[in-house]
Amino acid sequence: MAFQSTPSAAHFRLSAFAGVWEGEEHVAASVWTNEGKASAALSGEALFGGFFLEQRYRQMRDGAVSFEARNVFGFDGSDQAYKLYQFDSAGFAPPSPASGEWNGNELVLTKTSPRGRQRTAFTFENEDCYRMGVSFSPAGSDTWQEVVSGIYRRAALTSSNLS
């Protein structure tokens, strides 16, 4: 495979996540947390000329930070799939990235870990609004359960420092 010096259109498709976003979420009851509502602040910034996009995510519940993540999205030309590496306040090191593809305005990524499978779907209603849904299937199960769902609206085109 030849060295690619400039990002492709597939890489630039991830720029849909760039900018500052605010959202309202429904958190499902799980082994990790109680059911309830949350708000979220997200900031997305292109890295390395557009090869990757870093997204910073902060969830708030009851006036306190309840979950944080750093997501790195990319496109892997070798298997023509989008990748998502997530590092979060749960502290699990990702054994491998989530992998998936765009289907119209929806990007669906799935990853497998020793705990089970996680599916994340991002559905863009337009350039200033998208929905996210995360579901989980425990190891050894074929049943999917909702983890969190939300709707996010663009607050600004430029990113902020949510670190």
C-alpha atoms as a PDB file:
ATOM      1  CA  MET A   1       0.000   0.000   0.000  1.00  0.00           C
ATOM      2  CA  ALA A   2       1.407   3.367  -1.015  1.00  0.00           C
ATOM      3  CA  PHE A   3       1.910   6.169   1.464  1.00  0.00           C
ATOM      4  CA  GLN A   4      -1.021   8.578   1.341  1.00  0.00           C
ATOM      5  CA  SER A   5       0.074  12.185   1.816  1.00  0.00           C
ATOM      6  CA  THR A   6      -3.329  13.838   1.682  1.00  0.00           C
ATOM      7  CA  PRO A   7      -6.625  12.809   3.252  1.00  0.00           C
ATOM      8  CA  SER A   8      -9.296  11.347   0.994  1.00  0.00           C
ATOM      9  CA  ALA A   9     -12.940  12.343   0.743  1.00  0.00           C
ATOM     10  CA  ALA A  10     -13.649   9.461   3.157  1.00  0.00           C
ATOM     11  CA  HIS A  11     -11.389  11.101   5.752  1.00  0.00           C
ATOM     12  CA  PHE A  12     -12.999  14.504   5.254  1.00  0.00           C
ATOM     13  CA  ARG A  13     -16.462  13.010   5.824  1.00  0.00           C
ATOM     14  CA  LEU A  14     -15.546  12.905   9.521  1.00  0.00           C
ATOM     15  CA  SER A  15     -15.428  16.725   9.557  1.00  0.00           C
ATOM     16  CA  ALA A  16     -19.196  16.482  10.180  1.00  0.00           C
ATOM     17  CA  PHE A  17     -18.230  16.102  13.868  1.00  0.00           C
ATOM     18  CA  ALA A  18     -16.021  19.224  13.924  1.00  0.00           C
ATOM     19  CA  GLY A  19     -17.012  22.185  16.057  1.00  0.00           C
ATOM     20  CA  VAL A  20     -18.728  22.634  19.392  1.00  0.00           C
ATOM     21  CA  TRP A  21     -21.917  20.729  20.179  1.00  0.00           C
ATOM     22  CA  GLU A  22     -24.400  20.622  23.063  1.00  0.00           C
ATOM     23  CA  GLY A  23     -26.835  17.816  23.729  1.00  0.00           C
ATOM     24  CA  GLU A  24     -29.500  16.318  25.903  1.00  0.00           C
ATOM     25  CA  GLU A  25     -29.267  12.621  26.679  1.00  0.00           C
ATOM     26  CA  HIS A  26     -31.229   9.737  28.121  1.00  0.00           C
ATOM     27  CA  VAL A  27     -29.020   7.383  30.105  1.00  0.00           C
ATOM     28  CA  ALA A  28     -30.392   3.866  30.507  1.00  0.00           C
ATOM     29  CA  ALA A  29     -30.088   1.908  33.727  1.00  0.00           C
ATOM     30  CA  SER A  30     -27.098  -0.420  33.547  1.00  0.00           C
ATOM     31  CA  VAL A  31     -24.456  -2.065  35.691  1.00  0.00           C
ATOM     32  CA  TRP A  32     -22.548   1.232  35.349  1.00  0.00           C
ATOM     33  CA  THR A  33     -25.189   3.802  36.334  1.00  0.00           C
ATOM     34  CA  ASN A  34     -28.814   4.616  37.131  1.00  0.00           C
ATOM     35  CA  GLU A  35     -31.369   5.675  34.548  1.00  0.00           C
ATOM     36  CA  GLY A  36     -31.815   9.399  34.059  1.00  0.00           C
ATOM     37  CA  LYS A  37     -31.287  12.499  31.999  1.00  0.00           C
ATOM     38  CA  ALA A  38     -27.928  14.111  31.239  1.00  0.00           C
ATOM     39  CA  SER A  39     -26.514  16.990  29.269  1.00  0.00           C
ATOM     40  CA  ALA A  40     -23.406  16.758  27.124  1.00  0.00           C
ATOM     41  CA  ALA A  41     -20.789  19.104  25.719  1.00  0.00           C
ATOM     42  CA  LEU A  42     -18.704  17.964  22.755  1.00  0.00           C
ATOM     43  CA  SER A  43     -15.867  19.498  20.817  1.00  0.00           C
ATOM     44  CA  GLY A  44     -14.481  18.084  17.570  1.00  0.00           C
ATOM     45  CA  GLU A  45     -11.243  19.069  15.860  1.00  0.00           C
ATOM     46  CA  ALA A  46      -9.510  17.753  12.742  1.00  0.00           C
ATOM     47  CA  LEU A  47      -6.016  16.366  13.325  1.00  0.00           C
ATOM     48  CA  PHE A  48      -3.057  15.989  10.963  1.00  0.00           C
ATOM     49  CA  GLY A  49      -4.615  17.849   8.055  1.00  0.00           C
ATOM     50  CA  GLY A  50      -7.871  15.896   8.227  1.00  0.00           C
ATOM     51  CA  PHE A  51      -6.675  12.286   8.510  1.00  0.00           C
ATOM     52  CA  PHE A  52      -8.290  12.031  11.960  1.00  0.00           C
ATOM     53  CA  LEU A  53     -10.847  13.853  14.053  1.00  0.00           C
ATOM     54  CA  GLU A  54     -10.565  14.131  17.827  1.00  0.00           C
ATOM     55  CA  GLN A  55     -13.780  14.523  19.763  1.00  0.00           C
ATOM     56  CA  ARG A  56     -13.871  15.532  23.410  1.00  0.00           C
ATOM     57  CA  TYR A  57     -17.016  14.538  25.258  1.00  0.00           C
ATOM     58  CA  ARG A  58     -18.236  15.522  28.717  1.00  0.00           C
ATOM     59  CA  GLN A  59     -21.498  14.297  30.226  1.00  0.00           C
ATOM     60  CA  MET A  60     -23.095  16.108  33.188  1.00  0.00           C
ATOM     61  CA  ARG A  61     -25.699  14.709  35.587  1.00  0.00           C
ATOM     62  CA  ASP A  62     -27.048  16.486  38.649  1.00  0.00           C
ATOM     63  CA  GLY A  63     -24.562  19.357  38.224  1.00  0.00           C
ATOM     64  CA  ALA A  64     -21.446  17.155  38.156  1.00  0.00           C
ATOM     65  CA  VAL A  65     -19.325  15.486  35.476  1.00  0.00           C
ATOM     66  CA  SER A  66     -20.563  11.890  35.236  1.00  0.00           C
ATOM     67  CA  PHE A  67     -18.575  10.620  32.232  1.00  0.00           C
ATOM     68  CA  GLU A  68     -15.833  11.891  29.944  1.00  0.00           C
ATOM     69  CA  ALA A  69     -14.289  10.510  26.767  1.00  0.00           C
ATOM     70  CA  ARG A  70     -11.726  11.308  24.114  1.00  0.00           C
ATOM     71  CA  ASN A  71     -12.698   9.783  20.792  1.00  0.00           C
ATOM     72  CA  VAL A  72     -10.390   9.575  17.793  1.00  0.00           C
ATOM     73  CA  PHE A  73     -12.144   8.864  14.495  1.00  0.00           C
ATOM     74  CA  GLY A  74     -10.311   7.841  11.340  1.00  0.00           C
ATOM     75  CA  PHE A  75     -10.713   6.051   8.046  1.00  0.00           C
ATOM     76  CA  ASP A  76      -8.646   2.949   7.301  1.00  0.00           C
ATOM     77  CA  GLY A  77      -8.027   2.621   3.584  1.00  0.00           C
ATOM     78  CA  SER A  78      -6.787  -0.971   3.965  1.00  0.00           C
ATOM     79  CA  ASP A  79     -10.253  -2.272   4.858  1.00  0.00           C
ATOM     80  CA  GLN A  80     -12.283   0.766   3.715  1.00  0.00           C
ATOM     81  CA  ALA A  81     -13.810   1.119   7.191  1.00  0.00           C
ATOM     82  CA  TYR A  82     -14.184   3.983   9.630  1.00  0.00           C
ATOM     83  CA  LYS A  83     -12.510   3.489  13.010  1.00  0.00           C
ATOM     84  CA  LEU A  84     -13.237   4.895  16.450  1.00  0.00           C
ATOM     85  CA  TYR A  85     -10.762   4.673  19.313  1.00  0.00           C
ATOM     86  CA  GLN A  86     -12.391   5.690  22.599  1.00  0.00           C
ATOM     87  CA  PHE A  87     -10.601   6.454  25.839  1.00  0.00           C
ATOM     88  CA  ASP A  88     -12.923   7.300  28.716  1.00  0.00           C
ATOM     89  CA  SER A  89     -13.391   7.803  32.412  1.00  0.00           C
ATOM     90  CA  ALA A  90     -14.477   4.154  32.821  1.00  0.00           C
ATOM     91  CA  GLY A  91     -10.766   3.413  32.418  1.00  0.00           C
ATOM     92  CA  PHE A  92     -10.907   0.417  30.074  1.00  0.00           C
ATOM     93  CA  ALA A  93      -8.108   0.429  27.471  1.00  0.00           C
ATOM     94  CA  PRO A  94      -9.647  -0.326  24.068  1.00  0.00           C
ATOM     95  CA  PRO A  95      -8.306  -3.680  22.811  1.00  0.00           C
ATOM     96  CA  SER A  96      -9.190  -2.550  19.280  1.00  0.00           C
ATOM     97  CA  PRO A  97     -11.170   0.250  17.666  1.00  0.00           C
ATOM     98  CA  ALA A  98     -14.836   0.203  16.829  1.00  0.00           C
ATOM     99  CA  SER A  99     -15.219  -0.279  13.091  1.00  0.00           C
ATOM    100  CA  GLY A 100     -17.999   0.502  10.640  1.00  0.00           C
ATOM    101  CA  GLU A 101     -19.304   2.508   7.734  1.00  0.00           C
ATOM    102  CA  TRP A 102     -21.592   5.311   6.665  1.00  0.00           C
ATOM    103  CA  ASN A 103     -24.982   4.331   5.299  1.00  0.00           C
ATOM    104  CA  GLY A 104     -26.453   7.560   3.959  1.00  0.00           C
ATOM    105  CA  ASN A 105     -26.374  10.051   6.851  1.00  0.00           C
ATOM    106  CA  GLU A 106     -25.722   7.383   9.506  1.00  0.00           C
ATOM    107  CA  LEU A 107     -22.327   6.173  10.733  1.00  0.00           C
ATOM    108  CA  VAL A 108     -22.552   2.863  12.627  1.00  0.00           C
ATOM    109  CA  LEU A 109     -19.502   1.545  14.467  1.00  0.00           C
ATOM    110  CA  THR A 110     -19.213  -1.724  16.412  1.00  0.00           C
ATOM    111  CA  LYS A 111     -16.473  -2.948  18.728  1.00  0.00           C
ATOM    112  CA  THR A 112     -15.883  -6.143  20.661  1.00  0.00           C
ATOM    113  CA  SER A 113     -14.138  -6.455  24.010  1.00  0.00           C
ATOM    114  CA  PRO A 114     -13.950  -9.170  26.670  1.00  0.00           C
ATOM    115  CA  ARG A 115     -17.076  -7.557  28.245  1.00  0.00           C
ATOM    116  CA  GLY A 116     -19.163  -7.840  25.065  1.00  0.00           C
ATOM    117  CA  ARG A 117     -20.082  -5.822  21.977  1.00  0.00           C
ATOM    118  CA  GLN A 118     -20.872  -2.115  21.738  1.00  0.00           C
ATOM    119  CA  ARG A 119     -22.670  -0.488  18.820  1.00  0.00           C
ATOM    120  CA  THR A 120     -22.669   3.282  18.345  1.00  0.00           C
ATOM    121  CA  ALA A 121     -24.835   4.936  15.698  1.00  0.00           C
ATOM    122  CA  PHE A 122     -24.514   8.606  14.723  1.00  0.00           C
ATOM    123  CA  THR A 123     -27.402   9.843  12.563  1.00  0.00           C
ATOM    124  CA  PHE A 124     -27.103  13.325  11.070  1.00  0.00           C
ATOM    125  CA  GLU A 125     -30.412  15.110  10.590  1.00  0.00           C
ATOM    126  CA  ASN A 126     -28.529  18.028   8.999  1.00  0.00           C
ATOM    127  CA  GLU A 127     -25.119  19.694   9.363  1.00  0.00           C
ATOM    128  CA  ASP A 128     -26.124  21.268  12.689  1.00  0.00           C
ATOM    129  CA  CYS A 129     -27.941  18.370  14.402  1.00  0.00           C
ATOM    130  CA  TYR A 130     -27.238  14.680  14.949  1.00  0.00           C
ATOM    131  CA  ARG A 131     -28.451  11.846  17.135  1.00  0.00           C
ATOM    132  CA  MET A 132     -26.291   9.254  18.854  1.00  0.00           C
ATOM    133  CA  GLY A 133     -27.356   5.908  20.226  1.00  0.00           C
ATOM    134  CA  VAL A 134     -25.095   3.490  22.087  1.00  0.00           C
ATOM    135  CA  SER A 135     -26.180  -0.074  22.798  1.00  0.00           C
ATOM    136  CA  PHE A 136     -24.377  -2.963  24.438  1.00  0.00           C
ATOM    137  CA  SER A 137     -24.597  -6.746  24.198  1.00  0.00           C
ATOM    138  CA  PRO A 138     -22.875  -8.563  27.093  1.00  0.00           C
ATOM    139  CA  ALA A 139     -20.391 -11.328  26.276  1.00  0.00           C
ATOM    140  CA  GLY A 140     -22.254 -14.536  25.448  1.00  0.00           C
ATOM    141  CA  SER A 141     -25.541 -12.721  24.729  1.00  0.00           C
ATOM    142  CA  ASP A 142     -27.322 -11.754  21.522  1.00  0.00           C
ATOM    143  CA  THR A 143     -29.524  -9.224  23.324  1.00  0.00           C
ATOM    144  CA  TRP A 144     -28.768  -5.532  22.792  1.00  0.00           C
ATOM    145  CA  GLN A 145     -29.586  -3.017  25.518  1.00  0.00           C
ATOM    146  CA  GLU A 146     -29.596   0.761  25.281  1.00  0.00           C
ATOM    147  CA  VAL A 147     -26.781   2.524  27.151  1.00  0.00           C
ATOM    148  CA  VAL A 148     -27.299   6.156  26.161  1.00  0.00           C
ATOM    149  CA  SER A 149     -29.091   8.117  23.462  1.00  0.00           C
ATOM    150  CA  GLY A 150     -28.982  11.790  22.724  1.00  0.00           C
ATOM    151  CA  ILE A 151     -29.560  14.624  20.328  1.00  0.00           C
ATOM    152  CA  TYR A 152     -26.795  17.167  19.739  1.00  0.00           C
ATOM    153  CA  ARG A 153     -26.956  20.608  18.199  1.00  0.00           C
ATOM    154  CA  ARG A 154     -24.080  22.651  16.887  1.00  0.00           C
ATOM    155  CA  ALA A 155     -23.146  25.491  19.246  1.00  0.00           C
ATOM    156  CA  ALA A 156     -20.198  26.821  17.186  1.00  0.00           C
ATOM    157  CA  LEU A 157     -18.040  25.880  14.197  1.00  0.00           C
ATOM    158  CA  THR A 158     -14.764  26.185  16.066  1.00  0.00           C
ATOM    159  CA  SER A 159     -13.668  23.832  18.805  1.00  0.00           C
ATOM    160  CA  SER A 160     -13.171  24.720  22.445  1.00  0.00           C
ATOM    161  CA  ASN A 161     -10.884  23.212  25.027  1.00  0.00           C
ATOM    162  CA  LEU A 162     -12.962  20.799  27.102  1.00  0.00           C
ATOM    163  CA  SER A 163      -9.934  19.129  28.680  1.00  0.00           C
END
